PDB file of N, CA and C in Angstrom:
ATOM      1  N   MET A   1      48.546  33.076 191.009  1.00  0.00           N
ATOM      2  CA  MET A   1      47.340  32.521 191.588  1.00  0.00           C
ATOM      3  C   MET A   1      47.180  31.053 191.191  1.00  0.00           C
ATOM      4  N   ALA A   2      47.411  30.754 189.909  1.00  0.00           N
ATOM      5  CA  ALA A   2      47.285  29.370 189.434  1.00  0.00           C
ATOM      6  C   ALA A   2      48.324  28.481 190.099  1.00  0.00           C
ATOM      7  N   ALA A   3      49.518  29.020 190.309  1.00  0.00           N
ATOM      8  CA  ALA A   3      50.574  28.246 190.960  1.00  0.00           C
ATOM      9  C   ALA A   3      50.193  27.943 192.405  1.00  0.00           C
ATOM     10  N   THR A   4      49.601  28.902 193.091  1.00  0.00           N
ATOM     11  CA  THR A   4      49.161  28.696 194.471  1.00  0.00           C
ATOM     12  C   THR A   4      48.062  27.654 194.531  1.00  0.00           C
ATOM     13  N   LYS A   5      47.122  27.723 193.574  1.00  0.00           N
ATOM     14  CA  LYS A   5      46.021  26.756 193.525  1.00  0.00           C
ATOM     15  C   LYS A   5      46.566  25.354 193.280  1.00  0.00           C
ATOM     16  N   SER A   6      47.568  25.217 192.389  1.00  0.00           N
ATOM     17  CA  SER A   6      48.180  23.918 192.122  1.00  0.00           C
ATOM     18  C   SER A   6      48.894  23.392 193.349  1.00  0.00           C
ATOM     19  N   LEU A   7      49.572  24.280 194.056  1.00  0.00           N
ATOM     20  CA  LEU A   7      50.291  23.884 195.259  1.00  0.00           C
ATOM     21  C   LEU A   7      49.328  23.396 196.335  1.00  0.00           C
ATOM     22  N   VAL A   8      48.190  24.085 196.512  1.00  0.00           N
ATOM     23  CA  VAL A   8      47.179  23.668 197.484  1.00  0.00           C
ATOM     24  C   VAL A   8      46.590  22.327 197.075  1.00  0.00           C
ATOM     25  N   SER A   9      46.309  22.170 195.799  1.00  0.00           N
ATOM     26  CA  SER A   9      45.764  20.917 195.298  1.00  0.00           C
ATOM     27  C   SER A   9      46.752  19.773 195.523  1.00  0.00           C
ATOM     28  N   LEU A  10      48.030  20.022 195.263  1.00  0.00           N
ATOM     29  CA  LEU A  10      49.072  19.012 195.462  1.00  0.00           C
ATOM     30  C   LEU A  10      49.186  18.673 196.940  1.00  0.00           C
ATOM     31  N   SER A  11      49.123  19.696 197.787  1.00  0.00           N
ATOM     32  CA  SER A  11      49.204  19.486 199.227  1.00  0.00           C
ATOM     33  C   SER A  11      48.017  18.656 199.722  1.00  0.00           C
ATOM     34  N   SER A  12      46.819  18.937 199.202  1.00  0.00           N
ATOM     35  CA  SER A  12      45.632  18.177 199.586  1.00  0.00           C
ATOM     36  C   SER A  12      45.755  16.722 199.165  1.00  0.00           C
ATOM     37  N   ARG A  13      46.277  16.498 197.969  1.00  0.00           N
ATOM     38  CA  ARG A  13      46.465  15.115 197.498  1.00  0.00           C
ATOM     39  C   ARG A  13      47.482  14.388 198.354  1.00  0.00           C
ATOM     40  N   ALA A  14      48.571  15.076 198.690  1.00  0.00           N
ATOM     41  CA  ALA A  14      49.599  14.451 199.522  1.00  0.00           C
ATOM     42  C   ALA A  14      49.023  14.093 200.885  1.00  0.00           C
ATOM     43  N   THR A  15      48.227  14.971 201.458  1.00  0.00           N
ATOM     44  CA  THR A  15      47.593  14.698 202.751  1.00  0.00           C
ATOM     45  C   THR A  15      46.677  13.486 202.645  1.00  0.00           C
ATOM     46  N   LEU A  16      45.925  13.408 201.576  1.00  0.00           N
ATOM     47  CA  LEU A  16      45.028  12.278 201.365  1.00  0.00           C
ATOM     48  C   LEU A  16      45.813  10.973 201.226  1.00  0.00           C
ATOM     49  N   VAL A  17      46.906  11.010 200.474  1.00  0.00           N
ATOM     50  CA  VAL A  17      47.740   9.815 200.295  1.00  0.00           C
ATOM     51  C   VAL A  17      48.305   9.369 201.637  1.00  0.00           C
ATOM     52  N   PHE A  18      48.831  10.320 202.433  1.00  0.00           N
ATOM     53  CA  PHE A  18      49.378   9.958 203.734  1.00  0.00           C
ATOM     54  C   PHE A  18      48.295   9.411 204.663  1.00  0.00           C
ATOM     55  N   ALA A  19      47.108   9.953 204.608  1.00  0.00           N
ATOM     56  CA  ALA A  19      45.999   9.458 205.429  1.00  0.00           C
ATOM     57  C   ALA A  19      45.634   8.032 205.021  1.00  0.00           C
ATOM     58  N   LEU A  20      45.612   7.760 203.727  1.00  0.00           N
ATOM     59  CA  LEU A  20      45.311   6.404 203.252  1.00  0.00           C
ATOM     60  C   LEU A  20      46.400   5.424 203.667  1.00  0.00           C
ATOM     61  N   ILE A  21      47.656   5.842 203.570  1.00  0.00           N
ATOM     62  CA  ILE A  21      48.769   4.976 203.989  1.00  0.00           C
ATOM     63  C   ILE A  21      48.649   4.673 205.478  1.00  0.00           C
ATOM     64  N   ALA A  22      48.346   5.692 206.282  1.00  0.00           N
ATOM     65  CA  ALA A  22      48.195   5.493 207.728  1.00  0.00           C
ATOM     66  C   ALA A  22      47.060   4.520 208.025  1.00  0.00           C
ATOM     67  N   LEU A  23      45.968   4.627 207.282  1.00  0.00           N
ATOM     68  CA  LEU A  23      44.832   3.723 207.477  1.00  0.00           C
ATOM     69  C   LEU A  23      45.210   2.289 207.139  1.00  0.00           C
ATOM     70  N   VAL A  24      45.923   2.093 206.047  1.00  0.00           N
ATOM     71  CA  VAL A  24      46.351   0.748 205.649  1.00  0.00           C
ATOM     72  C   VAL A  24      47.303   0.163 206.682  1.00  0.00           C
ATOM     73  N   VAL A  25      48.251   0.956 207.153  1.00  0.00           N
ATOM     74  CA  VAL A  25      49.205   0.475 208.160  1.00  0.00           C
ATOM     75  C   VAL A  25      48.476   0.105 209.444  1.00  0.00           C
ATOM     76  N   GLN A  26      47.513   0.941 209.872  1.00  0.00           N
ATOM     77  CA  GLN A  26      46.756   0.658 211.084  1.00  0.00           C
ATOM     78  C   GLN A  26      45.950  -0.632 210.923  1.00  0.00           C
ATOM     79  N   THR A  27      45.305  -0.821 209.782  1.00  0.00           N
ATOM     80  CA  THR A  27      44.518  -2.024 209.528  1.00  0.00           C
ATOM     81  C   THR A  27      45.404  -3.260 209.541  1.00  0.00           C
ATOM     82  N   GLN A  28      46.581  -3.160 208.919  1.00  0.00           N
ATOM     83  CA  GLN A  28      47.505  -4.291 208.913  1.00  0.00           C
ATOM     84  C   GLN A  28      47.995  -4.596 210.324  1.00  0.00           C
ATOM     85  N   ALA A  29      48.247  -3.557 211.117  1.00  0.00           N
ATOM     86  CA  ALA A  29      48.699  -3.758 212.491  1.00  0.00           C
ATOM     87  C   ALA A  29      47.614  -4.441 213.316  1.00  0.00           C
ATOM     88  N   GLN A  30      46.344  -4.038 213.120  1.00  0.00           N
ATOM     89  CA  GLN A  30      45.249  -4.664 213.854  1.00  0.00           C
ATOM     90  C   GLN A  30      45.092  -6.123 213.439  1.00  0.00           C
ATOM     91  N   THR A  31      45.230  -6.400 212.142  1.00  0.00           N
ATOM     92  CA  THR A  31      45.138  -7.779 211.662  1.00  0.00           C
ATOM     93  C   THR A  31      46.263  -8.615 212.248  1.00  0.00           C
ATOM     94  N   TYR A  32      47.483  -8.068 212.239  1.00  0.00           N
ATOM     95  CA  TYR A  32      48.626  -8.773 212.808  1.00  0.00           C
ATOM     96  C   TYR A  32      48.391  -9.021 214.284  1.00  0.00           C
ATOM     97  N   SER A  33      47.902  -7.986 214.991  1.00  0.00           N
ATOM     98  CA  SER A  33      47.655  -8.102 216.414  1.00  0.00           C
ATOM     99  C   SER A  33      46.604  -9.173 216.699  1.00  0.00           C
ATOM    100  N   ALA A  34      45.536  -9.207 215.909  1.00  0.00           N
ATOM    101  CA  ALA A  34      44.488 -10.215 216.093  1.00  0.00           C
ATOM    102  C   ALA A  34      45.030 -11.617 215.828  1.00  0.00           C
ATOM    103  N   GLN A  35      45.845 -11.757 214.793  1.00  0.00           N
ATOM    104  CA  GLN A  35      46.428 -13.062 214.484  1.00  0.00           C
ATOM    105  C   GLN A  35      47.387 -13.495 215.582  1.00  0.00           C
ATOM    106  N   THR A  36      48.186 -12.550 216.087  1.00  0.00           N
ATOM    107  CA  THR A  36      49.129 -12.850 217.156  1.00  0.00           C
ATOM    108  C   THR A  36      48.386 -13.246 218.423  1.00  0.00           C
ATOM    109  N   CYS A  37      47.344 -12.489 218.759  1.00  0.00           N
ATOM    110  CA  CYS A  37      46.549 -12.787 219.948  1.00  0.00           C
ATOM    111  C   CYS A  37      45.912 -14.169 219.820  1.00  0.00           C
ATOM    112  N   SER A  38      45.363 -14.451 218.667  1.00  0.00           N
ATOM    113  CA  SER A  38      44.728 -15.752 218.445  1.00  0.00           C
ATOM    114  C   SER A  38      45.731 -16.885 218.630  1.00  0.00           C
ATOM    115  N   ALA A  39      46.920 -16.720 218.110  1.00  0.00           N
ATOM    116  CA  ALA A  39      47.953 -17.754 218.253  1.00  0.00           C
ATOM    117  C   ALA A  39      48.360 -17.910 219.714  1.00  0.00           C
ATOM    118  N   GLN A  40      48.503 -16.780 220.414  1.00  0.00           N
ATOM    119  CA  GLN A  40      48.879 -16.833 221.819  1.00  0.00           C
ATOM    120  C   GLN A  40      47.807 -17.545 222.642  1.00  0.00           C
ATOM    121  N   LEU A  41      46.542 -17.231 222.374  1.00  0.00           N
ATOM    122  CA  LEU A  41      45.454 -17.881 223.100  1.00  0.00           C
ATOM    123  C   LEU A  41      45.383 -19.360 222.768  1.00  0.00           C
ATOM    124  N   GLY A  42      45.672 -19.702 221.518  1.00  0.00           N
ATOM    125  CA  GLY A  42      45.668 -21.102 221.106  1.00  0.00           C
ATOM    126  C   GLY A  42      46.692 -21.935 221.863  1.00  0.00           C
ATOM    127  N   ASN A  43      47.776 -21.297 222.268  1.00  0.00           N
ATOM    128  CA  ASN A  43      48.815 -22.006 223.021  1.00  0.00           C
ATOM    129  C   ASN A  43      48.390 -22.326 224.450  1.00  0.00           C
ATOM    130  N   LEU A  44      47.280 -21.712 224.895  1.00  0.00           N
ATOM    131  CA  LEU A  44      46.814 -21.955 226.255  1.00  0.00           C
ATOM    132  C   LEU A  44      46.095 -23.293 226.410  1.00  0.00           C
ATOM    133  N   ASN A  45      45.985 -24.050 225.327  1.00  0.00           N
ATOM    134  CA  ASN A  45      45.301 -25.347 225.432  1.00  0.00           C
ATOM    135  C   ASN A  45      45.993 -26.275 226.424  1.00  0.00           C
ATOM    136  N   VAL A  46      47.273 -26.037 226.715  1.00  0.00           N
ATOM    137  CA  VAL A  46      47.967 -26.857 227.710  1.00  0.00           C
ATOM    138  C   VAL A  46      47.445 -26.594 229.119  1.00  0.00           C
ATOM    139  N   CYS A  47      46.677 -25.509 229.285  1.00  0.00           N
ATOM    140  CA  CYS A  47      46.099 -25.179 230.596  1.00  0.00           C
ATOM    141  C   CYS A  47      44.736 -25.834 230.805  1.00  0.00           C
ATOM    142  N   ALA A  48      44.156 -26.407 229.776  1.00  0.00           N
ATOM    143  CA  ALA A  48      42.804 -26.968 229.859  1.00  0.00           C
ATOM    144  C   ALA A  48      42.622 -27.962 231.005  1.00  0.00           C
ATOM    145  N   PRO A  49      43.545 -28.877 231.238  1.00  0.00           N
ATOM    146  CA  PRO A  49      43.314 -29.859 232.323  1.00  0.00           C
ATOM    147  C   PRO A  49      43.190 -29.227 233.711  1.00  0.00           C
ATOM    148  N   PHE A  50      43.606 -27.986 233.846  1.00  0.00           N
ATOM    149  CA  PHE A  50      43.601 -27.342 235.154  1.00  0.00           C
ATOM    150  C   PHE A  50      42.420 -26.394 235.361  1.00  0.00           C
ATOM    151  N   VAL A  51      41.654 -26.149 234.306  1.00  0.00           N
ATOM    152  CA  VAL A  51      40.574 -25.163 234.436  1.00  0.00           C
ATOM    153  C   VAL A  51      39.181 -25.731 234.208  1.00  0.00           C
ATOM    154  N   PHE A  52      39.084 -26.924 233.677  1.00  0.00           N
ATOM    155  CA  PHE A  52      37.756 -27.500 233.449  1.00  0.00           C
ATOM    156  C   PHE A  52      37.091 -27.841 234.765  1.00  0.00           C
ATOM    157  N   PRO A  53      35.773 -27.613 234.865  1.00  0.00           N
ATOM    158  CA  PRO A  53      35.059 -27.986 236.097  1.00  0.00           C
ATOM    159  C   PRO A  53      35.272 -29.465 236.396  1.00  0.00           C
ATOM    160  N   GLY A  54      35.532 -29.763 237.656  1.00  0.00           N
ATOM    161  CA  GLY A  54      35.753 -31.146 238.072  1.00  0.00           C
ATOM    162  C   GLY A  54      37.203 -31.579 237.971  1.00  0.00           C
ATOM    163  N   ALA A  55      38.088 -30.683 237.539  1.00  0.00           N
ATOM    164  CA  ALA A  55      39.508 -31.039 237.447  1.00  0.00           C
ATOM    165  C   ALA A  55      40.032 -31.350 238.842  1.00  0.00           C
ATOM    166  N   THR A  56      40.748 -32.447 238.952  1.00  0.00           N
ATOM    167  CA  THR A  56      41.276 -32.840 240.264  1.00  0.00           C
ATOM    168  C   THR A  56      42.563 -32.085 240.592  1.00  0.00           C
ATOM    169  N   ASN A  57      43.334 -31.739 239.572  1.00  0.00           N
ATOM    170  CA  ASN A  57      44.559 -30.981 239.792  1.00  0.00           C
ATOM    171  C   ASN A  57      44.330 -29.552 239.307  1.00  0.00           C
ATOM    172  N   THR A  58      44.243 -28.632 240.237  1.00  0.00           N
ATOM    173  CA  THR A  58      43.988 -27.243 239.863  1.00  0.00           C
ATOM    174  C   THR A  58      45.265 -26.404 239.837  1.00  0.00           C
ATOM    175  N   ASN A  59      46.405 -27.033 240.070  1.00  0.00           N
ATOM    176  CA  ASN A  59      47.682 -26.321 239.992  1.00  0.00           C
ATOM    177  C   ASN A  59      48.205 -26.411 238.562  1.00  0.00           C
ATOM    178  N   PRO A  60      48.417 -25.271 237.925  1.00  0.00           N
ATOM    179  CA  PRO A  60      48.869 -25.300 236.532  1.00  0.00           C
ATOM    180  C   PRO A  60      50.279 -25.873 236.398  1.00  0.00           C
ATOM    181  N   SER A  61      50.490 -26.516 235.274  1.00  0.00           N
ATOM    182  CA  SER A  61      51.804 -27.084 234.973  1.00  0.00           C
ATOM    183  C   SER A  61      52.767 -25.971 234.566  1.00  0.00           C
ATOM    184  N   PRO A  62      54.061 -26.247 234.580  1.00  0.00           N
ATOM    185  CA  PRO A  62      55.030 -25.259 234.087  1.00  0.00           C
ATOM    186  C   PRO A  62      54.750 -24.865 232.627  1.00  0.00           C
ATOM    187  N   ASP A  63      54.287 -25.816 231.803  1.00  0.00           N
ATOM    188  CA  ASP A  63      53.955 -25.499 230.405  1.00  0.00           C
ATOM    189  C   ASP A  63      52.798 -24.507 230.329  1.00  0.00           C
ATOM    190  N   CYS A  64      51.811 -24.693 231.189  1.00  0.00           N
ATOM    191  CA  CYS A  64      50.677 -23.777 231.229  1.00  0.00           C
ATOM    192  C   CYS A  64      51.140 -22.382 231.643  1.00  0.00           C
ATOM    193  N   CYS A  65      51.958 -22.315 232.660  1.00  0.00           N
ATOM    194  CA  CYS A  65      52.455 -21.014 233.134  1.00  0.00           C
ATOM    195  C   CYS A  65      53.282 -20.315 232.066  1.00  0.00           C
ATOM    196  N   THR A  66      54.085 -21.066 231.338  1.00  0.00           N
ATOM    197  CA  THR A  66      54.892 -20.493 230.257  1.00  0.00           C
ATOM    198  C   THR A  66      53.995 -19.962 229.147  1.00  0.00           C
ATOM    199  N   ALA A  67      52.960 -20.729 228.790  1.00  0.00           N
ATOM    200  CA  ALA A  67      52.031 -20.300 227.740  1.00  0.00           C
ATOM    201  C   ALA A  67      51.280 -19.051 228.172  1.00  0.00           C
ATOM    202  N   LEU A  68      50.852 -19.003 229.419  1.00  0.00           N
ATOM    203  CA  LEU A  68      50.130 -17.843 229.922  1.00  0.00           C
ATOM    204  C   LEU A  68      51.031 -16.611 229.957  1.00  0.00           C
ATOM    205  N   GLN A  69      52.276 -16.805 230.323  1.00  0.00           N
ATOM    206  CA  GLN A  69      53.223 -15.697 230.377  1.00  0.00           C
ATOM    207  C   GLN A  69      53.471 -15.118 228.983  1.00  0.00           C
ATOM    208  N   ALA A  70      53.329 -15.929 227.948  1.00  0.00           N
ATOM    209  CA  ALA A  70      53.577 -15.478 226.577  1.00  0.00           C
ATOM    210  C   ALA A  70      52.403 -14.695 225.980  1.00  0.00           C
ATOM    211  N   VAL A  71      51.247 -14.699 226.658  1.00  0.00           N
ATOM    212  CA  VAL A  71      50.082 -13.964 226.146  1.00  0.00           C
ATOM    213  C   VAL A  71      50.227 -12.500 226.544  1.00  0.00           C
ATOM    214  N   GLU A  72      50.126 -11.620 225.560  1.00  0.00           N
ATOM    215  CA  GLU A  72      50.227 -10.187 225.835  1.00  0.00           C
ATOM    216  C   GLU A  72      49.066  -9.739 226.715  1.00  0.00           C
ATOM    217  N   HIS A  73      49.347  -8.796 227.583  1.00  0.00           N
ATOM    218  CA  HIS A  73      48.358  -8.280 228.534  1.00  0.00           C
ATOM    219  C   HIS A  73      47.097  -7.808 227.824  1.00  0.00           C
ATOM    220  N   ASP A  74      47.238  -7.003 226.775  1.00  0.00           N
ATOM    221  CA  ASP A  74      46.075  -6.478 226.050  1.00  0.00           C
ATOM    222  C   ASP A  74      45.252  -7.596 225.427  1.00  0.00           C
ATOM    223  N   CYS A  75      45.921  -8.617 224.940  1.00  0.00           N
ATOM    224  CA  CYS A  75      45.231  -9.758 224.327  1.00  0.00           C
ATOM    225  C   CYS A  75      44.361 -10.458 225.371  1.00  0.00           C
ATOM    226  N   LEU A  76      44.930 -10.735 226.511  1.00  0.00           N
ATOM    227  CA  LEU A  76      44.206 -11.444 227.562  1.00  0.00           C
ATOM    228  C   LEU A  76      43.040 -10.610 228.096  1.00  0.00           C
ATOM    229  N   CYS A  77      43.288  -9.334 228.356  1.00  0.00           N
ATOM    230  CA  CYS A  77      42.222  -8.474 228.886  1.00  0.00           C
ATOM    231  C   CYS A  77      41.096  -8.280 227.872  1.00  0.00           C
ATOM    232  N   SER A  78      41.440  -8.087 226.616  1.00  0.00           N
ATOM    233  CA  SER A  78      40.407  -7.930 225.579  1.00  0.00           C
ATOM    234  C   SER A  78      39.573  -9.189 225.468  1.00  0.00           C
ATOM    235  N   THR A  79      40.203 -10.332 225.545  1.00  0.00           N
ATOM    236  CA  THR A  79      39.496 -11.608 225.439  1.00  0.00           C
ATOM    237  C   THR A  79      38.521 -11.780 226.603  1.00  0.00           C
ATOM    238  N   ILE A  80      38.958 -11.414 227.789  1.00  0.00           N
ATOM    239  CA  ILE A  80      38.083 -11.527 228.959  1.00  0.00           C
ATOM    240  C   ILE A  80      36.897 -10.569 228.829  1.00  0.00           C
ATOM    241  N   ARG A  81      37.157  -9.326 228.412  1.00  0.00           N
ATOM    242  CA  ARG A  81      36.064  -8.347 228.242  1.00  0.00           C
ATOM    243  C   ARG A  81      35.067  -8.828 227.197  1.00  0.00           C
ATOM    244  N   ILE A  82      35.559  -9.317 226.073  1.00  0.00           N
ATOM    245  CA  ILE A  82      34.678  -9.784 225.001  1.00  0.00           C
ATOM    246  C   ILE A  82      33.878 -10.996 225.475  1.00  0.00           C
ATOM    247  N   SER A  83      34.546 -11.914 226.152  1.00  0.00           N
ATOM    248  CA  SER A  83      33.872 -13.125 226.645  1.00  0.00           C
ATOM    249  C   SER A  83      32.754 -12.779 227.620  1.00  0.00           C
ATOM    250  N   ALA A  84      32.969 -11.763 228.440  1.00  0.00           N
ATOM    251  CA  ALA A  84      31.958 -11.377 229.419  1.00  0.00           C
ATOM    252  C   ALA A  84      30.747 -10.727 228.748  1.00  0.00           C
ATOM    253  N   ARG A  85      30.936 -10.126 227.570  1.00  0.00           N
ATOM    254  CA  ARG A  85      29.824  -9.463 226.859  1.00  0.00           C
ATOM    255  C   ARG A  85      28.999 -10.429 226.014  1.00  0.00           C
ATOM    256  N   ILE A  86      29.539 -11.551 225.636  1.00  0.00           N
ATOM    257  CA  ILE A  86      28.867 -12.460 224.706  1.00  0.00           C
ATOM    258  C   ILE A  86      27.494 -12.915 225.208  1.00  0.00           C
ATOM    259  N   PRO A  87      27.346 -13.349 226.469  1.00  0.00           N
ATOM    260  CA  PRO A  87      26.004 -13.800 226.894  1.00  0.00           C
ATOM    261  C   PRO A  87      24.930 -12.731 226.690  1.00  0.00           C
ATOM    262  N   THR A  88      25.219 -11.492 227.049  1.00  0.00           N
ATOM    263  CA  THR A  88      24.251 -10.409 226.886  1.00  0.00           C
ATOM    264  C   THR A  88      23.905 -10.202 225.420  1.00  0.00           C
ATOM    265  N   GLN A  89      24.911 -10.288 224.551  1.00  0.00           N
ATOM    266  CA  GLN A  89      24.674 -10.111 223.126  1.00  0.00           C
ATOM    267  C   GLN A  89      23.867 -11.260 222.535  1.00  0.00           C
ATOM    268  N   CYS A  90      23.832 -12.383 223.239  1.00  0.00           N
ATOM    269  CA  CYS A  90      23.047 -13.535 222.802  1.00  0.00           C
ATOM    270  C   CYS A  90      21.710 -13.605 223.540  1.00  0.00           C
ATOM    271  N   ASN A  91      21.331 -12.497 224.174  1.00  0.00           N
ATOM    272  CA  ASN A  91      20.083 -12.407 224.939  1.00  0.00           C
ATOM    273  C   ASN A  91      20.027 -13.421 226.075  1.00  0.00           C
ATOM    274  N   LEU A  92      21.158 -13.635 226.710  1.00  0.00           N
ATOM    275  CA  LEU A  92      21.252 -14.496 227.882  1.00  0.00           C
ATOM    276  C   LEU A  92      21.557 -13.625 229.096  1.00  0.00           C
ATOM    277  N   PRO A  93      21.345 -14.129 230.303  1.00  0.00           N
ATOM    278  CA  PRO A  93      21.668 -13.314 231.487  1.00  0.00           C
ATOM    279  C   PRO A  93      23.161 -12.967 231.500  1.00  0.00           C
ATOM    280  N   PRO A  94      23.493 -11.813 232.074  1.00  0.00           N
ATOM    281  CA  PRO A  94      24.905 -11.441 232.155  1.00  0.00           C
ATOM    282  C   PRO A  94      25.699 -12.482 232.926  1.00  0.00           C
ATOM    283  N   LEU A  95      26.956 -12.573 232.597  1.00  0.00           N
ATOM    284  CA  LEU A  95      27.851 -13.523 233.250  1.00  0.00           C
ATOM    285  C   LEU A  95      28.055 -13.109 234.707  1.00  0.00           C
ATOM    286  N   SER A  96      27.838 -14.034 235.623  1.00  0.00           N
ATOM    287  CA  SER A  96      28.044 -13.790 237.048  1.00  0.00           C
ATOM    288  C   SER A  96      28.726 -15.013 237.630  1.00  0.00           C
ATOM    289  N   CYS A  97      29.926 -14.808 238.122  1.00  0.00           N
ATOM    290  CA  CYS A  97      30.707 -15.935 238.653  1.00  0.00           C
ATOM    291  C   CYS A  97      30.844 -15.793 240.160  1.00  0.00           C
ATOM    292  N   GLY A  98      30.572 -16.882 240.848  1.00  0.00           N
ATOM    293  CA  GLY A  98      30.758 -16.896 242.300  1.00  0.00           C
ATOM    294  C   GLY A  98      32.214 -17.110 242.636  1.00  0.00           C
ATOM    295  N   GLY A  99      32.626 -16.629 243.772  1.00  0.00           N
ATOM    296  CA  GLY A  99      34.032 -16.723 244.169  1.00  0.00           C
ATOM    297  C   GLY A  99      34.242 -17.928 244.961  1.00  0.00           C
TER     298      GLY A  99
END
């Protein structure tokens, strides 16, 4: 009986250790992903001349297209979703863009 209790206790500890390791790995992956996304978005500064209101040249340069192509899909979509929520979170009217 004591041996079984020790085995269960050991198994519970091992499960806890593996759960903690998984949590640390997931947190590190999210941090890496956030840092990678931030760097990818930072590279889009070459697109600024083509997106500012009043820009005379609205055709992106090859450098802009290359930078945009390097941004991961999830990074770009998450950024757009977050950006669209910010006005509401700041008690401003929701973002509405005309076509």
